[in-house]
Amino acid sequence: MGIGDWINAAFLVVIGVLLGLAANGLAGLVLDGAWLFALMLLVICGGAVLLFFLFDGLLDRLFARVFPGGVRPAAVSYPAARKPLALLASLPGGLVLGVFLAQSGLAPTILGLF
């Protein structure tokens, strides 16, 4: 595992921790009875993801018209190497760690760092 894989895994752990904190906060809203606010959060996030994919498809079509030849693949393609287990497990591990830290009451401290 190279240094780039370790850096990528560290970023994925941080993203997983933040997602775990957000998931725990959303679950807390639902369990406290703030259904409407939790539903609004999900609708807004879902709309943002939908807009992202819409603009991505729009940009793909635009570049297909501007550059009709496209990007040609390399003449020789080598089989992709398997990703290291630490890299594959970093996002789910960070997610579990984030939920655990939020349940421990450390969410304000961690979010205060950012």
PDB file of N, CA and C in Angstrom:
ATOM      1  N   MET A   1       0.848  -1.164   0.000  1.00  0.00           N
ATOM      2  CA  MET A   1       0.000   0.000   0.000  1.00  0.00           C
ATOM      3  C   MET A   1       0.896   1.230   0.000  1.00  0.00           C
ATOM      4  N   GLY A   2       0.720   2.082  -0.993  1.00  0.00           N
ATOM      5  CA  GLY A   2       1.555   3.259  -1.138  1.00  0.00           C
ATOM      6  C   GLY A   2       1.079   4.418  -0.287  1.00  0.00           C
ATOM      7  N   ILE A   3       1.847   5.496  -0.306  1.00  0.00           N
ATOM      8  CA  ILE A   3       1.506   6.664   0.496  1.00  0.00           C
ATOM      9  C   ILE A   3       0.216   7.309   0.009  1.00  0.00           C
ATOM     10  N   GLY A   4      -0.036   7.249  -1.293  1.00  0.00           N
ATOM     11  CA  GLY A   4      -1.288   7.792  -1.831  1.00  0.00           C
ATOM     12  C   GLY A   4      -2.505   7.042  -1.314  1.00  0.00           C
ATOM     13  N   ASP A   5      -2.373   5.726  -1.164  1.00  0.00           N
ATOM     14  CA  ASP A   5      -3.476   4.937  -0.617  1.00  0.00           C
ATOM     15  C   ASP A   5      -3.741   5.304   0.843  1.00  0.00           C
ATOM     16  N   TRP A   6      -2.679   5.530   1.614  1.00  0.00           N
ATOM     17  CA  TRP A   6      -2.861   5.912   3.019  1.00  0.00           C
ATOM     18  C   TRP A   6      -3.530   7.282   3.138  1.00  0.00           C
ATOM     19  N   ILE A   7      -3.141   8.215   2.287  1.00  0.00           N
ATOM     20  CA  ILE A   7      -3.758   9.549   2.318  1.00  0.00           C
ATOM     21  C   ILE A   7      -5.227   9.457   1.915  1.00  0.00           C
ATOM     22  N   ASN A   8      -5.506   8.677   0.879  1.00  0.00           N
ATOM     23  CA  ASN A   8      -6.887   8.488   0.442  1.00  0.00           C
ATOM     24  C   ASN A   8      -7.716   7.829   1.536  1.00  0.00           C
ATOM     25  N   ALA A   9      -7.156   6.840   2.210  1.00  0.00           N
ATOM     26  CA  ALA A   9      -7.867   6.169   3.290  1.00  0.00           C
ATOM     27  C   ALA A   9      -8.134   7.134   4.450  1.00  0.00           C
ATOM     28  N   ALA A  10      -7.168   8.018   4.752  1.00  0.00           N
ATOM     29  CA  ALA A  10      -7.373   8.985   5.829  1.00  0.00           C
ATOM     30  C   ALA A  10      -8.503   9.952   5.487  1.00  0.00           C
ATOM     31  N   PHE A  11      -8.546  10.414   4.242  1.00  0.00           N
ATOM     32  CA  PHE A  11      -9.639  11.291   3.833  1.00  0.00           C
ATOM     33  C   PHE A  11     -10.984  10.574   3.912  1.00  0.00           C
ATOM     34  N   LEU A  12     -11.010   9.312   3.508  1.00  0.00           N
ATOM     35  CA  LEU A  12     -12.263   8.554   3.566  1.00  0.00           C
ATOM     36  C   LEU A  12     -12.713   8.321   4.998  1.00  0.00           C
ATOM     37  N   VAL A  13     -11.773   8.141   5.920  1.00  0.00           N
ATOM     38  CA  VAL A  13     -12.146   7.993   7.332  1.00  0.00           C
ATOM     39  C   VAL A  13     -12.760   9.287   7.844  1.00  0.00           C
ATOM     40  N   VAL A  14     -12.167  10.425   7.494  1.00  0.00           N
ATOM     41  CA  VAL A  14     -12.716  11.716   7.938  1.00  0.00           C
ATOM     42  C   VAL A  14     -14.110  11.933   7.360  1.00  0.00           C
ATOM     43  N   ILE A  15     -14.294  11.620   6.082  1.00  0.00           N
ATOM     44  CA  ILE A  15     -15.613  11.752   5.467  1.00  0.00           C
ATOM     45  C   ILE A  15     -16.599  10.798   6.134  1.00  0.00           C
ATOM     46  N   GLY A  16     -16.167   9.582   6.441  1.00  0.00           N
ATOM     47  CA  GLY A  16     -17.036   8.621   7.125  1.00  0.00           C
ATOM     48  C   GLY A  16     -17.436   9.096   8.504  1.00  0.00           C
ATOM     49  N   VAL A  17     -16.502   9.693   9.246  1.00  0.00           N
ATOM     50  CA  VAL A  17     -16.826  10.209  10.582  1.00  0.00           C
ATOM     51  C   VAL A  17     -17.866  11.321  10.471  1.00  0.00           C
ATOM     52  N   LEU A  18     -17.680  12.229   9.522  1.00  0.00           N
ATOM     53  CA  LEU A  18     -18.646  13.319   9.361  1.00  0.00           C
ATOM     54  C   LEU A  18     -20.012  12.792   8.918  1.00  0.00           C
ATOM     55  N   LEU A  19     -20.029  11.795   8.045  1.00  0.00           N
ATOM     56  CA  LEU A  19     -21.304  11.188   7.652  1.00  0.00           C
ATOM     57  C   LEU A  19     -21.961  10.464   8.823  1.00  0.00           C
ATOM     58  N   GLY A  20     -21.159   9.826   9.661  1.00  0.00           N
ATOM     59  CA  GLY A  20     -21.710   9.168  10.844  1.00  0.00           C
ATOM     60  C   GLY A  20     -22.312  10.164  11.812  1.00  0.00           C
ATOM     61  N   LEU A  21     -21.652  11.307  11.998  1.00  0.00           N
ATOM     62  CA  LEU A  21     -22.215  12.352  12.853  1.00  0.00           C
ATOM     63  C   LEU A  21     -23.528  12.881  12.286  1.00  0.00           C
ATOM     64  N   ALA A  22     -23.563  13.081  10.959  1.00  0.00           N
ATOM     65  CA  ALA A  22     -24.788  13.573  10.324  1.00  0.00           C
ATOM     66  C   ALA A  22     -25.913  12.544  10.418  1.00  0.00           C
ATOM     67  N   ALA A  23     -25.586  11.281  10.211  1.00  0.00           N
ATOM     68  CA  ALA A  23     -26.610  10.234  10.296  1.00  0.00           C
ATOM     69  C   ALA A  23     -27.151  10.115  11.711  1.00  0.00           C
ATOM     70  N   ASN A  24     -26.278  10.237  12.695  1.00  0.00           N
ATOM     71  CA  ASN A  24     -26.727  10.176  14.073  1.00  0.00           C
ATOM     72  C   ASN A  24     -27.617  11.386  14.408  1.00  0.00           C
ATOM     73  N   GLY A  25     -27.242  12.558  13.920  1.00  0.00           N
ATOM     74  CA  GLY A  25     -28.070  13.741  14.153  1.00  0.00           C
ATOM     75  C   GLY A  25     -29.429  13.631  13.490  1.00  0.00           C
ATOM     76  N   LEU A  26     -29.474  13.094  12.272  1.00  0.00           N
ATOM     77  CA  LEU A  26     -30.751  12.909  11.582  1.00  0.00           C
ATOM     78  C   LEU A  26     -31.612  11.875  12.295  1.00  0.00           C
ATOM     79  N   ALA A  27     -30.991  10.801  12.762  1.00  0.00           N
ATOM     80  CA  ALA A  27     -31.749   9.798  13.520  1.00  0.00           C
ATOM     81  C   ALA A  27     -32.264  10.393  14.831  1.00  0.00           C
ATOM     82  N   GLY A  28     -31.468  11.258  15.457  1.00  0.00           N
ATOM     83  CA  GLY A  28     -31.924  11.926  16.673  1.00  0.00           C
ATOM     84  C   GLY A  28     -33.118  12.824  16.418  1.00  0.00           C
ATOM     85  N   LEU A  29     -33.120  13.515  15.266  1.00  0.00           N
ATOM     86  CA  LEU A  29     -34.277  14.353  14.925  1.00  0.00           C
ATOM     87  C   LEU A  29     -35.532  13.509  14.738  1.00  0.00           C
ATOM     88  N   VAL A  30     -35.372  12.380  14.062  1.00  0.00           N
ATOM     89  CA  VAL A  30     -36.527  11.515  13.813  1.00  0.00           C
ATOM     90  C   VAL A  30     -37.045  10.941  15.124  1.00  0.00           C
ATOM     91  N   LEU A  31     -36.154  10.511  15.993  1.00  0.00           N
ATOM     92  CA  LEU A  31     -36.580   9.905  17.251  1.00  0.00           C
ATOM     93  C   LEU A  31     -37.144  10.931  18.234  1.00  0.00           C
ATOM     94  N   ASP A  32     -36.718  12.194  18.112  1.00  0.00           N
ATOM     95  CA  ASP A  32     -37.253  13.235  18.990  1.00  0.00           C
ATOM     96  C   ASP A  32     -38.601  13.749  18.526  1.00  0.00           C
ATOM     97  N   GLY A  33     -39.035  13.374  17.371  1.00  0.00           N
ATOM     98  CA  GLY A  33     -40.348  13.779  16.896  1.00  0.00           C
ATOM     99  C   GLY A  33     -40.309  14.923  15.900  1.00  0.00           C
ATOM    100  N   ALA A  34     -39.157  15.325  15.461  1.00  0.00           N
ATOM    101  CA  ALA A  34     -39.049  16.399  14.474  1.00  0.00           C
ATOM    102  C   ALA A  34     -39.082  15.793  13.070  1.00  0.00           C
ATOM    103  N   TRP A  35     -40.163  15.097  12.771  1.00  0.00           N
ATOM    104  CA  TRP A  35     -40.289  14.397  11.503  1.00  0.00           C
ATOM    105  C   TRP A  35     -40.254  15.361  10.327  1.00  0.00           C
ATOM    106  N   LEU A  36     -40.941  16.484  10.463  1.00  0.00           N
ATOM    107  CA  LEU A  36     -41.038  17.418   9.349  1.00  0.00           C
ATOM    108  C   LEU A  36     -39.671  17.991   8.992  1.00  0.00           C
ATOM    109  N   PHE A  37     -38.896  18.353  10.010  1.00  0.00           N
ATOM    110  CA  PHE A  37     -37.564  18.901   9.754  1.00  0.00           C
ATOM    111  C   PHE A  37     -36.655  17.842   9.138  1.00  0.00           C
ATOM    112  N   ALA A  38     -36.715  16.623   9.637  1.00  0.00           N
ATOM    113  CA  ALA A  38     -35.897  15.541   9.072  1.00  0.00           C
ATOM    114  C   ALA A  38     -36.301  15.260   7.624  1.00  0.00           C
ATOM    115  N   LEU A  39     -37.601  15.298   7.355  1.00  0.00           N
ATOM    116  CA  LEU A  39     -38.072  15.077   5.987  1.00  0.00           C
ATOM    117  C   LEU A  39     -37.614  16.205   5.063  1.00  0.00           C
ATOM    118  N   MET A  40     -37.662  17.443   5.558  1.00  0.00           N
ATOM    119  CA  MET A  40     -37.177  18.567   4.743  1.00  0.00           C
ATOM    120  C   MET A  40     -35.691  18.427   4.444  1.00  0.00           C
ATOM    121  N   LEU A  41     -34.903  17.993   5.427  1.00  0.00           N
ATOM    122  CA  LEU A  41     -33.470  17.784   5.198  1.00  0.00           C
ATOM    123  C   LEU A  41     -33.237  16.735   4.116  1.00  0.00           C
ATOM    124  N   LEU A  42     -33.983  15.640   4.188  1.00  0.00           N
ATOM    125  CA  LEU A  42     -33.817  14.583   3.189  1.00  0.00           C
ATOM    126  C   LEU A  42     -34.238  15.045   1.801  1.00  0.00           C
ATOM    127  N   VAL A  43     -35.316  15.831   1.720  1.00  0.00           N
ATOM    128  CA  VAL A  43     -35.772  16.333   0.419  1.00  0.00           C
ATOM    129  C   VAL A  43     -34.754  17.298  -0.166  1.00  0.00           C
ATOM    130  N   ILE A  44     -34.207  18.184   0.664  1.00  0.00           N
ATOM    131  CA  ILE A  44     -33.207  19.139   0.172  1.00  0.00           C
ATOM    132  C   ILE A  44     -31.954  18.409  -0.297  1.00  0.00           C
ATOM    133  N   CYS A  45     -31.479  17.437   0.479  1.00  0.00           N
ATOM    134  CA  CYS A  45     -30.281  16.683   0.078  1.00  0.00           C
ATOM    135  C   CYS A  45     -30.553  15.843  -1.171  1.00  0.00           C
ATOM    136  N   GLY A  46     -31.726  15.248  -1.241  1.00  0.00           N
ATOM    137  CA  GLY A  46     -32.088  14.479  -2.429  1.00  0.00           C
ATOM    138  C   GLY A  46     -32.178  15.362  -3.664  1.00  0.00           C
ATOM    139  N   GLY A  47     -32.726  16.571  -3.502  1.00  0.00           N
ATOM    140  CA  GLY A  47     -32.773  17.518  -4.614  1.00  0.00           C
ATOM    141  C   GLY A  47     -31.388  17.942  -5.058  1.00  0.00           C
ATOM    142  N   ALA A  48     -30.480  18.122  -4.109  1.00  0.00           N
ATOM    143  CA  ALA A  48     -29.105  18.490  -4.463  1.00  0.00           C
ATOM    144  C   ALA A  48     -28.431  17.369  -5.245  1.00  0.00           C
ATOM    145  N   VAL A  49     -28.643  16.136  -4.833  1.00  0.00           N
ATOM    146  CA  VAL A  49     -28.062  14.999  -5.564  1.00  0.00           C
ATOM    147  C   VAL A  49     -28.676  14.892  -6.958  1.00  0.00           C
ATOM    148  N   LEU A  50     -29.990  15.115  -7.050  1.00  0.00           N
ATOM    149  CA  LEU A  50     -30.659  15.073  -8.348  1.00  0.00           C
ATOM    150  C   LEU A  50     -30.125  16.163  -9.274  1.00  0.00           C
ATOM    151  N   LEU A  51     -29.951  17.378  -8.755  1.00  0.00           N
ATOM    152  CA  LEU A  51     -29.386  18.456  -9.560  1.00  0.00           C
ATOM    153  C   LEU A  51     -27.951  18.148  -9.993  1.00  0.00           C
ATOM    154  N   PHE A  52     -27.195  17.531  -9.106  1.00  0.00           N
ATOM    155  CA  PHE A  52     -25.824  17.150  -9.461  1.00  0.00           C
ATOM    156  C   PHE A  52     -25.821  16.208 -10.656  1.00  0.00           C
ATOM    157  N   PHE A  53     -26.656  15.172 -10.619  1.00  0.00           N
ATOM    158  CA  PHE A  53     -26.696  14.223 -11.729  1.00  0.00           C
ATOM    159  C   PHE A  53     -27.268  14.853 -12.989  1.00  0.00           C
ATOM    160  N   LEU A  54     -28.228  15.782 -12.835  1.00  0.00           N
ATOM    161  CA  LEU A  54     -28.792  16.471 -13.986  1.00  0.00           C
ATOM    162  C   LEU A  54     -27.731  17.320 -14.682  1.00  0.00           C
ATOM    163  N   PHE A  55     -26.977  18.109 -13.904  1.00  0.00           N
ATOM    164  CA  PHE A  55     -25.928  18.931 -14.492  1.00  0.00           C
ATOM    165  C   PHE A  55     -24.779  18.089 -15.032  1.00  0.00           C
ATOM    166  N   ASP A  56     -24.513  16.957 -14.411  1.00  0.00           N
ATOM    167  CA  ASP A  56     -23.469  16.068 -14.907  1.00  0.00           C
ATOM    168  C   ASP A  56     -23.847  15.529 -16.282  1.00  0.00           C
ATOM    169  N   GLY A  57     -25.095  15.105 -16.430  1.00  0.00           N
ATOM    170  CA  GLY A  57     -25.558  14.627 -17.732  1.00  0.00           C
ATOM    171  C   GLY A  57     -25.581  15.737 -18.770  1.00  0.00           C
ATOM    172  N   LEU A  58     -25.957  16.950 -18.344  1.00  0.00           N
ATOM    173  CA  LEU A  58     -25.973  18.082 -19.256  1.00  0.00           C
ATOM    174  C   LEU A  58     -24.564  18.418 -19.731  1.00  0.00           C
ATOM    175  N   LEU A  59     -23.611  18.404 -18.822  1.00  0.00           N
ATOM    176  CA  LEU A  59     -22.226  18.669 -19.206  1.00  0.00           C
ATOM    177  C   LEU A  59     -21.671  17.568 -20.103  1.00  0.00           C
ATOM    178  N   ASP A  60     -22.054  16.325 -19.853  1.00  0.00           N
ATOM    179  CA  ASP A  60     -21.606  15.231 -20.723  1.00  0.00           C
ATOM    180  C   ASP A  60     -22.100  15.425 -22.153  1.00  0.00           C
ATOM    181  N   ARG A  61     -23.370  15.815 -22.299  1.00  0.00           N
ATOM    182  CA  ARG A  61     -23.913  16.047 -23.638  1.00  0.00           C
ATOM    183  C   ARG A  61     -23.259  17.252 -24.304  1.00  0.00           C
ATOM    184  N   LEU A  62     -22.978  18.293 -23.510  1.00  0.00           N
ATOM    185  CA  LEU A  62     -22.323  19.471 -24.059  1.00  0.00           C
ATOM    186  C   LEU A  62     -20.925  19.138 -24.564  1.00  0.00           C
ATOM    187  N   PHE A  63     -20.149  18.410 -23.778  1.00  0.00           N
ATOM    188  CA  PHE A  63     -18.808  18.039 -24.210  1.00  0.00           C
ATOM    189  C   PHE A  63     -18.842  17.052 -25.369  1.00  0.00           C
ATOM    190  N   ALA A  64     -19.884  16.235 -25.462  1.00  0.00           N
ATOM    191  CA  ALA A  64     -19.998  15.319 -26.595  1.00  0.00           C
ATOM    192  C   ALA A  64     -20.223  16.095 -27.889  1.00  0.00           C
ATOM    193  N   ARG A  65     -20.906  17.245 -27.818  1.00  0.00           N
ATOM    194  CA  ARG A  65     -21.116  18.058 -29.016  1.00  0.00           C
ATOM    195  C   ARG A  65     -19.897  18.902 -29.346  1.00  0.00           C
ATOM    196  N   VAL A  66     -19.228  19.404 -28.307  1.00  0.00           N
ATOM    197  CA  VAL A  66     -18.057  20.249 -28.552  1.00  0.00           C
ATOM    198  C   VAL A  66     -16.873  19.407 -29.019  1.00  0.00           C
ATOM    199  N   PHE A  67     -16.681  18.261 -28.411  1.00  0.00           N
ATOM    200  CA  PHE A  67     -15.587  17.356 -28.759  1.00  0.00           C
ATOM    201  C   PHE A  67     -16.180  16.045 -29.263  1.00  0.00           C
ATOM    202  N   PRO A  68     -16.614  15.989 -30.530  1.00  0.00           N
ATOM    203  CA  PRO A  68     -17.328  14.792 -31.006  1.00  0.00           C
ATOM    204  C   PRO A  68     -16.453  13.550 -31.091  1.00  0.00           C
ATOM    205  N   GLY A  69     -15.137  13.709 -31.186  1.00  0.00           N
ATOM    206  CA  GLY A  69     -14.270  12.535 -31.277  1.00  0.00           C
ATOM    207  C   GLY A  69     -14.172  11.803 -29.957  1.00  0.00           C
ATOM    208  N   GLY A  70     -14.393  12.512 -28.880  1.00  0.00           N
ATOM    209  CA  GLY A  70     -14.299  11.901 -27.567  1.00  0.00           C
ATOM    210  C   GLY A  70     -12.861  11.631 -27.173  1.00  0.00           C
ATOM    211  N   VAL A  71     -12.716  10.901 -26.129  1.00  0.00           N
ATOM    212  CA  VAL A  71     -11.394  10.526 -25.636  1.00  0.00           C
ATOM    213  C   VAL A  71     -11.186   9.064 -25.991  1.00  0.00           C
ATOM    214  N   ARG A  72     -10.129   8.808 -26.729  1.00  0.00           N
ATOM    215  CA  ARG A  72      -9.844   7.439 -27.137  1.00  0.00           C
ATOM    216  C   ARG A  72      -9.059   6.728 -26.043  1.00  0.00           C
ATOM    217  N   PRO A  73      -9.391   5.482 -25.760  1.00  0.00           N
ATOM    218  CA  PRO A  73      -8.659   4.760 -24.721  1.00  0.00           C
ATOM    219  C   PRO A  73      -7.234   4.438 -25.171  1.00  0.00           C
ATOM    220  N   ALA A  74      -6.414   4.126 -24.222  1.00  0.00           N
ATOM    221  CA  ALA A  74      -5.028   3.763 -24.518  1.00  0.00           C
ATOM    222  C   ALA A  74      -5.008   2.457 -25.304  1.00  0.00           C
ATOM    223  N   ALA A  75      -3.952   2.278 -26.065  1.00  0.00           N
ATOM    224  CA  ALA A  75      -3.848   1.089 -26.913  1.00  0.00           C
ATOM    225  C   ALA A  75      -3.735  -0.185 -26.073  1.00  0.00           C
ATOM    226  N   VAL A  76      -2.984  -0.117 -24.983  1.00  0.00           N
ATOM    227  CA  VAL A  76      -2.804  -1.293 -24.136  1.00  0.00           C
ATOM    228  C   VAL A  76      -3.438  -0.982 -22.774  1.00  0.00           C
ATOM    229  N   SER A  77      -4.351  -1.826 -22.381  1.00  0.00           N
ATOM    230  CA  SER A  77      -4.953  -1.638 -21.061  1.00  0.00           C
ATOM    231  C   SER A  77      -4.543  -2.801 -20.161  1.00  0.00           C
ATOM    232  N   TYR A  78      -4.043  -2.465 -19.024  1.00  0.00           N
ATOM    233  CA  TYR A  78      -3.605  -3.471 -18.061  1.00  0.00           C
ATOM    234  C   TYR A  78      -4.721  -3.744 -17.068  1.00  0.00           C
ATOM    235  N   PRO A  79      -4.812  -4.966 -16.571  1.00  0.00           N
ATOM    236  CA  PRO A  79      -5.851  -5.242 -15.576  1.00  0.00           C
ATOM    237  C   PRO A  79      -5.598  -4.427 -14.301  1.00  0.00           C
ATOM    238  N   ALA A  80      -6.674  -3.933 -13.734  1.00  0.00           N
ATOM    239  CA  ALA A  80      -6.556  -3.097 -12.534  1.00  0.00           C
ATOM    240  C   ALA A  80      -6.171  -3.950 -11.337  1.00  0.00           C
ATOM    241  N   ALA A  81      -5.272  -3.428 -10.542  1.00  0.00           N
ATOM    242  CA  ALA A  81      -4.853  -4.139  -9.335  1.00  0.00           C
ATOM    243  C   ALA A  81      -5.938  -4.020  -8.269  1.00  0.00           C
ATOM    244  N   ARG A  82      -5.992  -5.004  -7.406  1.00  0.00           N
ATOM    245  CA  ARG A  82      -6.978  -4.976  -6.326  1.00  0.00           C
ATOM    246  C   ARG A  82      -6.620  -3.876  -5.341  1.00  0.00           C
ATOM    247  N   LYS A  83      -7.662  -3.220  -4.823  1.00  0.00           N
ATOM    248  CA  LYS A  83      -7.431  -2.170  -3.838  1.00  0.00           C
ATOM    249  C   LYS A  83      -7.122  -2.809  -2.490  1.00  0.00           C
ATOM    250  N   PRO A  84      -6.276  -2.171  -1.713  1.00  0.00           N
ATOM    251  CA  PRO A  84      -5.952  -2.713  -0.386  1.00  0.00           C
ATOM    252  C   PRO A  84      -7.173  -2.710   0.529  1.00  0.00           C
ATOM    253  N   LEU A  85      -7.192  -3.657   1.451  1.00  0.00           N
ATOM    254  CA  LEU A  85      -8.328  -3.794   2.361  1.00  0.00           C
ATOM    255  C   LEU A  85      -8.490  -2.566   3.252  1.00  0.00           C
ATOM    256  N   ALA A  86      -7.393  -1.952   3.662  1.00  0.00           N
ATOM    257  CA  ALA A  86      -7.490  -0.757   4.509  1.00  0.00           C
ATOM    258  C   ALA A  86      -8.178   0.379   3.764  1.00  0.00           C
ATOM    259  N   LEU A  87      -7.954   0.473   2.469  1.00  0.00           N
ATOM    260  CA  LEU A  87      -8.598   1.515   1.679  1.00  0.00           C
ATOM    261  C   LEU A  87     -10.082   1.218   1.507  1.00  0.00           C
ATOM    262  N   LEU A  88     -10.429  -0.045   1.302  1.00  0.00           N
ATOM    263  CA  LEU A  88     -11.837  -0.412   1.133  1.00  0.00           C
ATOM    264  C   LEU A  88     -12.635  -0.272   2.428  1.00  0.00           C
ATOM    265  N   ALA A  89     -11.996  -0.511   3.568  1.00  0.00           N
ATOM    266  CA  ALA A  89     -12.707  -0.491   4.839  1.00  0.00           C
ATOM    267  C   ALA A  89     -12.671   0.871   5.523  1.00  0.00           C
ATOM    268  N   SER A  90     -12.002   1.860   4.931  1.00  0.00           N
ATOM    269  CA  SER A  90     -11.845   3.137   5.621  1.00  0.00           C
ATOM    270  C   SER A  90     -13.154   3.920   5.705  1.00  0.00           C
ATOM    271  N   LEU A  91     -13.966   3.964   4.658  1.00  0.00           N
ATOM    272  CA  LEU A  91     -15.227   4.718   4.718  1.00  0.00           C
ATOM    273  C   LEU A  91     -16.241   4.064   5.649  1.00  0.00           C
ATOM    274  N   PRO A  92     -16.494   2.749   5.539  1.00  0.00           N
ATOM    275  CA  PRO A  92     -17.427   2.155   6.504  1.00  0.00           C
ATOM    276  C   PRO A  92     -16.912   2.216   7.939  1.00  0.00           C
ATOM    277  N   GLY A  93     -15.610   2.067   8.118  1.00  0.00           N
ATOM    278  CA  GLY A  93     -15.038   2.180   9.462  1.00  0.00           C
ATOM    279  C   GLY A  93     -15.199   3.576  10.028  1.00  0.00           C
ATOM    280  N   GLY A  94     -14.995   4.588   9.188  1.00  0.00           N
ATOM    281  CA  GLY A  94     -15.195   5.965   9.626  1.00  0.00           C
ATOM    282  C   GLY A  94     -16.640   6.263   9.947  1.00  0.00           C
ATOM    283  N   LEU A  95     -17.561   5.671   9.192  1.00  0.00           N
ATOM    284  CA  LEU A  95     -18.990   5.850   9.458  1.00  0.00           C
ATOM    285  C   LEU A  95     -19.360   5.278  10.819  1.00  0.00           C
ATOM    286  N   VAL A  96     -18.896   4.066  11.101  1.00  0.00           N
ATOM    287  CA  VAL A  96     -19.168   3.442  12.401  1.00  0.00           C
ATOM    288  C   VAL A  96     -18.512   4.244  13.521  1.00  0.00           C
ATOM    289  N   LEU A  97     -17.288   4.705  13.285  1.00  0.00           N
ATOM    290  CA  LEU A  97     -16.597   5.514  14.281  1.00  0.00           C
ATOM    291  C   LEU A  97     -17.334   6.823  14.534  1.00  0.00           C
ATOM    292  N   GLY A  98     -17.870   7.448  13.492  1.00  0.00           N
ATOM    293  CA  GLY A  98     -18.623   8.689  13.644  1.00  0.00           C
ATOM    294  C   GLY A  98     -19.885   8.500  14.456  1.00  0.00           C
ATOM    295  N   VAL A  99     -20.616   7.420  14.211  1.00  0.00           N
ATOM    296  CA  VAL A  99     -21.830   7.149  15.001  1.00  0.00           C
ATOM    297  C   VAL A  99     -21.459   6.867  16.452  1.00  0.00           C
ATOM    298  N   PHE A 100     -20.377   6.115  16.662  1.00  0.00           N
ATOM    299  CA  PHE A 100     -19.942   5.824  18.023  1.00  0.00           C
ATOM    300  C   PHE A 100     -19.530   7.101  18.759  1.00  0.00           C
ATOM    301  N   LEU A 101     -18.782   7.964  18.087  1.00  0.00           N
ATOM    302  CA  LEU A 101     -18.360   9.214  18.719  1.00  0.00           C
ATOM    303  C   LEU A 101     -19.546  10.126  19.001  1.00  0.00           C
ATOM    304  N   ALA A 102     -20.527  10.144  18.104  1.00  0.00           N
ATOM    305  CA  ALA A 102     -21.717  10.966  18.334  1.00  0.00           C
ATOM    306  C   ALA A 102     -22.523  10.433  19.508  1.00  0.00           C
ATOM    307  N   GLN A 103     -22.624   9.115  19.621  1.00  0.00           N
ATOM    308  CA  GLN A 103     -23.342   8.536  20.750  1.00  0.00           C
ATOM    309  C   GLN A 103     -22.597   8.748  22.056  1.00  0.00           C
ATOM    310  N   SER A 104     -21.284   8.916  21.975  1.00  0.00           N
ATOM    311  CA  SER A 104     -20.486   9.179  23.177  1.00  0.00           C
ATOM    312  C   SER A 104     -20.573  10.632  23.621  1.00  0.00           C
ATOM    313  N   GLY A 105     -21.204  11.480  22.820  1.00  0.00           N
ATOM    314  CA  GLY A 105     -21.359  12.881  23.179  1.00  0.00           C
ATOM    315  C   GLY A 105     -20.234  13.768  22.697  1.00  0.00           C
ATOM    316  N   LEU A 106     -19.430  13.298  21.782  1.00  0.00           N
ATOM    317  CA  LEU A 106     -18.295  14.070  21.286  1.00  0.00           C
ATOM    318  C   LEU A 106     -18.587  14.801  19.983  1.00  0.00           C
ATOM    319  N   ALA A 107     -19.831  14.808  19.536  1.00  0.00           N
ATOM    320  CA  ALA A 107     -20.166  15.453  18.264  1.00  0.00           C
ATOM    321  C   ALA A 107     -19.864  16.952  18.274  1.00  0.00           C
ATOM    322  N   PRO A 108     -20.240  17.708  19.309  1.00  0.00           N
ATOM    323  CA  PRO A 108     -19.917  19.142  19.282  1.00  0.00           C
ATOM    324  C   PRO A 108     -18.410  19.412  19.267  1.00  0.00           C
ATOM    325  N   THR A 109     -17.655  18.578  19.957  1.00  0.00           N
ATOM    326  CA  THR A 109     -16.203  18.755  19.985  1.00  0.00           C
ATOM    327  C   THR A 109     -15.590  18.499  18.614  1.00  0.00           C
ATOM    328  N   ILE A 110     -16.043  17.437  17.944  1.00  0.00           N
ATOM    329  CA  ILE A 110     -15.498  17.090  16.632  1.00  0.00           C
ATOM    330  C   ILE A 110     -15.929  18.141  15.597  1.00  0.00           C
ATOM    331  N   LEU A 111     -17.186  18.554  15.637  1.00  0.00           N
ATOM    332  CA  LEU A 111     -17.644  19.553  14.683  1.00  0.00           C
ATOM    333  C   LEU A 111     -17.030  20.918  14.954  1.00  0.00           C
ATOM    334  N   GLY A 112     -16.604  21.169  16.186  1.00  0.00           N
ATOM    335  CA  GLY A 112     -15.923  22.407  16.515  1.00  0.00           C
ATOM    336  C   GLY A 112     -14.548  22.498  15.891  1.00  0.00           C
ATOM    337  N   LEU A 113     -13.972  21.367  15.527  1.00  0.00           N
ATOM    338  CA  LEU A 113     -12.668  21.364  14.871  1.00  0.00           C
ATOM    339  C   LEU A 113     -12.743  21.873  13.439  1.00  0.00           C
ATOM    340  N   PHE A 114     -13.934  21.770  12.839  1.00  0.00           N
ATOM    341  CA  PHE A 114     -14.101  22.188  11.464  1.00  0.00           C
ATOM    342  C   PHE A 114     -14.735  23.553  11.428  1.00  0.00           C
TER     343      PHE A 114
END
